[in-house]
Amino acid sequence: MSRLAAATVVAGLLSLAGCGGETAAPPREAKRSSRLVDFTKKPPYVNALEIDPATRDFLLATNRGLFRIRRATDAVERVRGVVRDRTGAASPVGTFLEVTAVGGGEFVGSGHPDDPRAGLPAYLGLIRSRDGGRTWNVVSRLGEADLHQIVEAHGRLYGWDAVLSALLITGDGGRTFEENFTPPGLILDIAVDPADPKRVVAANDQQLFRSTDAGKRWRGIDSGEAFRLVWPAPDALYRASRDGRVERSRDGGTRWSPTGTVPGEPYKFKAVSAAELYLALSDGTIMRSGDAGTTWTPEFRP
């Protein structure tokens, strides 16, 4: 079987299982809440953490759905989204949804229809919302792509596609893509150098990799479990380990220095700047650091 065929089969099974594949036992958070996450299901538990640029609210996607968290009050609202394709076929959407803000009040995402009987394929490809996640329209690759991670950088979208097991890059809003295979295994996170559009790091469950040619070639640069990544400044590449340790690299991932820790398993990293960082833990708790990862305090508890 070719690498492409093998990747397609494996990724398809993972996606149909709810974008799963993370099987190692994580550390247990103290008093872990099940309000927003269903721990009776297999991980992943949290799929996306985003900040709405218009309202500063958090958008949190979990295996229970998509939630808007009001920063001023900690009020939680379920976002009952609907996705439509060009034929008018529609389905509820929100569970296991990848969400990324791209400016102008728009979000892009990817995932699966919540109603398998709605007539949409299992993979939604690249989708777009202009109303905070309530309605989504298919942009491209319907039935073909399942983007687990989407990063906006340098006027481009970078996404890891679990169907192809490849890094997809588009500079025209999702009409056309450059495709390059990634290292074996489920890629848990990617990050792009803010100073170089060709420099990308990617993490699977056991290793950290770097590419200097937009994903054509990859080199392992470190080992470690389930790193979550964010790269807000050229000298500030952060990673969070499954055990809660947070580290910073000033040279693109070759050398790392510890900064702080969070009380649980990190799932999604979000950076507003090199100093202002957010981490969503496995139960939807959102931790904030205002000092480049040295200290962390709860910004929201479910």
Protein backbone atom coordinates (compact mmCIF):
# COMPACT_ATOMS: atom_id res chain seq x y z
CA MET A 1 0.00 0.00 0.00
CA SER A 2 1.34 3.48 -0.90
CA ARG A 3 2.03 6.06 1.77
CA LEU A 4 -0.84 8.17 0.45
CA ALA A 5 -3.29 5.28 0.58
CA ALA A 6 -2.13 4.22 4.03
CA ALA A 7 -2.41 7.77 5.35
CA THR A 8 -5.88 8.06 3.91
CA VAL A 9 -7.11 4.86 5.53
CA VAL A 10 -5.62 5.61 8.95
CA ALA A 11 -6.72 9.24 8.99
CA GLY A 12 -10.19 8.32 7.84
CA LEU A 13 -10.63 5.90 10.70
CA LEU A 14 -9.40 8.52 13.18
CA SER A 15 -11.70 11.18 11.79
CA LEU A 16 -14.78 9.00 11.81
CA ALA A 17 -14.02 8.18 15.42
CA GLY A 18 -14.31 11.89 16.25
CA CYS A 19 -10.81 13.08 15.28
CA GLY A 20 -9.38 10.73 17.89
CA GLY A 21 -6.01 9.06 18.04
CA GLU A 22 -4.62 10.49 21.25
CA THR A 23 -4.49 7.42 23.42
CA ALA A 24 -1.73 7.99 25.97
CA ALA A 25 -2.95 8.48 29.53
CA PRO A 26 -2.80 12.20 30.46
CA PRO A 27 -2.28 13.60 33.95
CA ARG A 28 -5.50 14.11 35.89
CA GLU A 29 -6.47 17.66 36.72
CA ALA A 30 -7.64 18.27 40.24
CA LYS A 31 -11.46 18.43 40.32
CA ARG A 32 -11.73 18.08 36.56
CA SER A 33 -15.09 19.39 35.31
CA SER A 34 -17.35 17.54 32.86
CA ARG A 35 -19.57 20.56 32.17
CA LEU A 36 -18.13 21.23 28.69
CA VAL A 37 -16.32 17.96 28.02
CA ASP A 38 -17.51 14.35 27.95
CA PHE A 39 -14.75 12.29 29.56
CA THR A 40 -16.56 9.01 28.88
CA LYS A 41 -15.42 9.39 25.26
CA LYS A 42 -11.92 8.99 23.90
CA PRO A 43 -9.73 12.09 23.51
CA PRO A 44 -9.28 14.65 22.09
CA TYR A 45 -11.51 16.57 24.47
CA VAL A 46 -10.81 20.14 23.35
CA ASN A 47 -10.42 20.95 19.65
CA ALA A 48 -10.17 24.73 19.47
CA LEU A 49 -9.54 27.84 21.55
CA GLU A 50 -10.02 31.19 19.85
CA ILE A 51 -10.68 34.77 20.88
CA ASP A 52 -13.37 36.66 18.98
CA PRO A 53 -11.63 39.87 17.85
CA ALA A 54 -14.92 41.81 17.91
CA THR A 55 -16.01 40.94 21.45
CA ARG A 56 -12.91 39.41 23.10
CA ASP A 57 -15.07 36.43 24.04
CA PHE A 58 -13.52 33.00 24.05
CA LEU A 59 -14.69 30.42 21.53
CA LEU A 60 -14.07 26.91 22.81
CA ALA A 61 -14.79 23.76 20.80
CA THR A 62 -14.96 20.45 22.65
CA ASN A 63 -16.41 17.00 22.13
CA ARG A 64 -19.71 18.41 23.44
CA GLY A 65 -19.91 21.31 20.97
CA LEU A 66 -18.87 24.92 20.33
CA PHE A 67 -19.21 27.38 23.21
CA ARG A 68 -18.93 31.15 23.52
CA ILE A 69 -17.56 32.23 26.90
CA ARG A 70 -18.26 35.84 27.87
CA ARG A 71 -15.08 37.30 29.32
CA ALA A 72 -16.85 39.84 31.55
CA THR A 73 -19.18 37.38 33.29
CA ASP A 74 -17.88 33.85 32.53
CA ALA A 75 -21.33 33.11 31.08
CA VAL A 76 -21.27 30.12 28.74
CA GLU A 77 -23.47 30.04 25.64
CA ARG A 78 -23.79 27.07 23.31
CA VAL A 79 -23.20 28.14 19.70
CA ARG A 80 -25.61 26.04 17.67
CA GLY A 81 -23.97 26.32 14.28
CA VAL A 82 -25.23 25.12 10.92
CA VAL A 83 -23.03 24.28 7.93
CA ARG A 84 -24.26 24.37 4.33
CA ASP A 85 -22.73 23.30 1.05
CA ARG A 86 -23.37 24.81 -2.37
CA THR A 87 -26.34 22.51 -3.01
CA GLY A 88 -28.10 23.70 0.13
CA ALA A 89 -27.56 20.52 2.15
CA ALA A 90 -27.22 21.50 5.81
CA SER A 91 -26.28 19.99 9.16
CA PRO A 92 -25.74 21.12 12.73
CA VAL A 93 -22.02 21.59 13.41
CA GLY A 94 -19.89 22.38 16.44
CA THR A 95 -18.67 19.12 17.94
CA PHE A 96 -14.97 18.44 17.23
CA LEU A 97 -14.76 21.72 15.29
CA GLU A 98 -11.48 23.41 14.42
CA VAL A 99 -11.92 27.23 14.57
CA THR A 100 -9.45 29.99 13.65
CA ALA A 101 -10.06 33.76 13.49
CA VAL A 102 -8.78 35.30 10.25
CA GLY A 103 -9.77 38.96 10.70
CA GLY A 104 -12.63 41.04 9.44
CA GLY A 105 -15.04 39.23 11.72
CA GLU A 106 -14.47 35.96 9.89
CA PHE A 107 -13.56 32.50 11.12
CA VAL A 108 -12.39 29.49 9.17
CA GLY A 109 -12.76 25.95 10.37
CA SER A 110 -13.03 22.28 9.60
CA GLY A 111 -14.70 19.26 11.12
CA HIS A 112 -17.61 16.90 10.64
CA PRO A 113 -21.38 17.29 10.38
CA ASP A 114 -23.08 16.62 13.71
CA ASP A 115 -25.97 14.93 11.87
CA PRO A 116 -24.65 12.07 9.72
CA ARG A 117 -28.06 11.80 8.03
CA ALA A 118 -28.01 15.36 6.68
CA GLY A 119 -26.55 14.41 3.31
CA LEU A 120 -23.12 15.97 3.85
CA PRO A 121 -19.92 13.90 3.67
CA ALA A 122 -17.97 13.02 6.81
CA TYR A 123 -15.24 15.58 6.04
CA LEU A 124 -16.35 19.20 5.73
CA GLY A 125 -13.10 20.45 4.21
CA LEU A 126 -12.45 24.16 4.73
CA ILE A 127 -15.48 26.09 5.99
CA ARG A 128 -16.03 29.78 6.77
CA SER A 129 -18.26 31.76 9.15
CA ARG A 130 -18.97 35.50 9.17
CA ASP A 131 -21.33 35.56 12.17
CA GLY A 132 -19.36 34.16 15.08
CA GLY A 133 -19.87 30.49 14.25
CA ARG A 134 -23.65 30.39 13.86
CA THR A 135 -23.62 29.73 10.12
CA TRP A 136 -20.85 28.10 8.11
CA ASN A 137 -20.39 27.74 4.36
CA VAL A 138 -18.14 25.25 2.63
CA VAL A 139 -15.19 26.92 0.90
CA SER A 140 -13.42 23.93 -0.61
CA ARG A 141 -12.40 20.26 -0.28
CA LEU A 142 -15.80 19.06 0.89
CA GLY A 143 -15.55 15.33 1.43
CA GLU A 144 -11.80 15.43 0.86
CA ALA A 145 -10.06 17.22 3.74
CA ASP A 146 -10.22 17.04 7.54
CA LEU A 147 -8.11 19.90 8.88
CA HIS A 148 -7.18 19.26 12.50
CA GLN A 149 -5.05 22.39 12.85
CA ILE A 150 -5.40 25.70 11.01
CA VAL A 151 -2.93 28.57 11.43
CA GLU A 152 -3.08 31.97 9.73
CA ALA A 153 0.31 33.53 9.00
CA HIS A 154 1.88 35.67 6.27
CA GLY A 155 -1.47 36.11 4.55
CA ARG A 156 -1.81 32.35 4.17
CA LEU A 157 -3.65 29.52 5.83
CA TYR A 158 -1.64 26.50 6.96
CA GLY A 159 -3.58 23.38 7.89
CA TRP A 160 -2.79 19.80 8.74
CA ASP A 161 -5.04 17.44 6.82
CA ALA A 162 -5.66 14.09 8.52
CA VAL A 163 -6.95 12.55 5.29
CA LEU A 164 -3.75 13.14 3.29
CA SER A 165 -1.47 13.28 6.35
CA ALA A 166 -0.11 16.45 4.78
CA LEU A 167 0.46 20.13 5.41
CA LEU A 168 -1.86 22.19 3.20
CA ILE A 169 -1.04 25.83 2.45
CA THR A 170 -3.30 28.27 0.63
CA GLY A 171 -2.69 31.89 -0.25
CA ASP A 172 -5.99 32.50 -2.02
CA GLY A 173 -8.50 31.87 0.74
CA GLY A 174 -8.80 28.14 0.16
CA ARG A 175 -9.34 27.87 -3.59
CA THR A 176 -5.98 26.20 -4.28
CA PHE A 177 -3.51 24.45 -1.98
CA GLU A 178 0.11 23.38 -1.86
CA GLU A 179 0.33 19.88 -0.38
CA ASN A 180 3.33 18.36 1.39
CA PHE A 181 3.41 15.17 3.42
CA THR A 182 4.22 15.45 7.13
CA PRO A 183 6.14 12.97 9.31
CA PRO A 184 4.33 9.71 10.22
CA GLY A 185 1.66 9.77 12.88
CA LEU A 186 -1.16 12.05 13.97
CA ILE A 187 0.08 15.65 13.96
CA LEU A 188 -1.22 17.27 17.15
CA ASP A 189 -0.16 20.85 16.42
CA ILE A 190 1.68 23.09 13.99
CA ALA A 191 3.19 26.58 14.25
CA VAL A 192 4.65 28.96 11.67
CA ASP A 193 7.60 31.31 12.14
CA PRO A 194 6.24 34.89 12.10
CA ALA A 195 9.44 35.96 10.28
CA ASP A 196 9.63 33.19 7.67
CA PRO A 197 6.62 31.64 5.87
CA LYS A 198 8.64 28.54 4.96
CA ARG A 199 9.68 27.69 8.51
CA VAL A 200 7.13 25.42 10.18
CA VAL A 201 7.24 23.19 13.25
CA ALA A 202 4.95 20.23 13.84
CA ALA A 203 4.44 17.87 16.76
CA ASN A 204 3.11 14.33 16.85
CA ASP A 205 2.63 12.27 20.00
CA GLN A 206 6.33 11.53 20.41
CA GLN A 207 8.46 14.05 18.54
CA LEU A 208 8.88 17.64 17.38
CA PHE A 209 9.79 18.32 13.74
CA ARG A 210 10.87 21.36 11.75
CA SER A 211 10.69 22.23 8.08
CA THR A 212 12.50 25.14 6.42
CA ASP A 213 10.84 24.73 3.00
CA ALA A 214 7.11 24.90 3.83
CA GLY A 215 6.80 21.21 4.54
CA LYS A 216 8.64 19.62 1.63
CA ARG A 217 11.23 18.15 3.99
CA TRP A 218 11.11 17.58 7.75
CA ARG A 219 13.76 16.97 10.38
CA GLY A 220 13.20 15.74 13.92
CA ILE A 221 14.55 18.28 16.39
CA ASP A 222 13.37 16.99 19.77
CA SER A 223 11.43 14.22 21.48
CA GLY A 224 8.53 14.71 23.86
CA GLU A 225 4.89 13.87 24.45
CA ALA A 226 2.04 15.72 22.77
CA PHE A 227 3.49 19.21 22.50
CA ARG A 228 1.00 22.04 21.95
CA LEU A 229 2.57 24.91 20.02
CA VAL A 230 2.26 28.64 19.41
CA TRP A 231 4.72 31.04 17.73
CA PRO A 232 3.72 34.70 18.31
CA ALA A 233 7.15 36.31 17.70
CA PRO A 234 10.36 35.20 15.94
CA ASP A 235 12.15 34.70 19.27
CA ALA A 236 9.13 33.27 21.10
CA LEU A 237 8.16 29.75 20.07
CA TYR A 238 6.27 28.11 22.94
CA ARG A 239 5.42 24.50 23.62
CA ALA A 240 3.32 22.95 26.36
CA SER A 241 3.84 19.31 27.30
CA ARG A 242 1.23 16.77 28.36
CA ASP A 243 2.42 17.05 31.97
CA GLY A 244 1.75 20.82 32.02
CA ARG A 245 5.28 22.12 31.52
CA VAL A 246 5.62 25.23 29.34
CA GLU A 247 8.89 26.06 27.56
CA ARG A 248 10.16 28.78 25.24
CA SER A 249 12.60 28.65 22.35
CA ARG A 250 14.31 31.76 21.02
CA ASP A 251 15.92 30.03 18.04
CA GLY A 252 13.04 28.27 16.32
CA GLY A 253 13.03 25.07 18.34
CA THR A 254 16.66 24.01 18.69
CA ARG A 255 17.11 25.04 22.33
CA TRP A 256 14.39 25.33 24.98
CA SER A 257 14.12 27.01 28.38
CA PRO A 258 11.41 26.27 30.97
CA THR A 259 9.05 29.11 31.76
CA GLY A 260 6.23 27.77 33.96
CA THR A 261 3.59 25.10 34.43
CA VAL A 262 -0.18 24.74 34.23
CA PRO A 263 -2.25 22.44 36.48
CA GLY A 264 -3.38 19.87 33.93
CA GLU A 265 -3.02 18.63 30.39
CA PRO A 266 -2.81 21.43 27.81
CA TYR A 267 -4.89 20.98 24.67
CA LYS A 268 -4.93 24.29 22.78
CA PHE A 269 -2.49 27.18 22.82
CA LYS A 270 -3.50 30.74 21.90
CA ALA A 271 -1.20 33.76 21.83
CA VAL A 272 -2.25 37.40 21.70
CA SER A 273 1.39 38.52 21.87
CA ALA A 274 4.73 37.08 22.93
CA ALA A 275 3.79 37.91 26.53
CA GLU A 276 0.01 37.28 26.64
CA LEU A 277 -0.71 33.56 26.34
CA TYR A 278 -3.70 31.29 26.88
CA LEU A 279 -3.91 27.52 27.33
CA ALA A 280 -7.09 25.45 27.29
CA LEU A 281 -6.83 22.37 29.51
CA SER A 282 -8.58 19.07 28.90
CA ASP A 283 -11.76 20.04 30.77
CA GLY A 284 -12.08 23.46 29.14
CA THR A 285 -10.36 25.42 31.89
CA ILE A 286 -8.58 28.39 30.28
CA MET A 287 -5.31 29.52 31.85
CA ARG A 288 -3.74 32.92 31.16
CA SER A 289 -0.18 34.18 31.37
CA GLY A 290 0.70 37.84 31.04
CA ASP A 291 4.44 37.39 31.56
CA ALA A 292 5.52 35.15 28.68
CA GLY A 293 4.55 31.89 30.35
CA THR A 294 6.20 32.33 33.73
CA THR A 295 3.04 32.46 35.82
CA TRP A 296 -0.41 31.15 34.94
CA THR A 297 -3.77 31.98 36.48
CA PRO A 298 -7.26 30.69 35.67
CA GLU A 299 -9.11 33.00 33.28
CA PHE A 300 -12.13 30.69 33.11
CA ARG A 301 -13.20 27.56 34.96
CA PRO A 302 -16.11 25.44 33.64
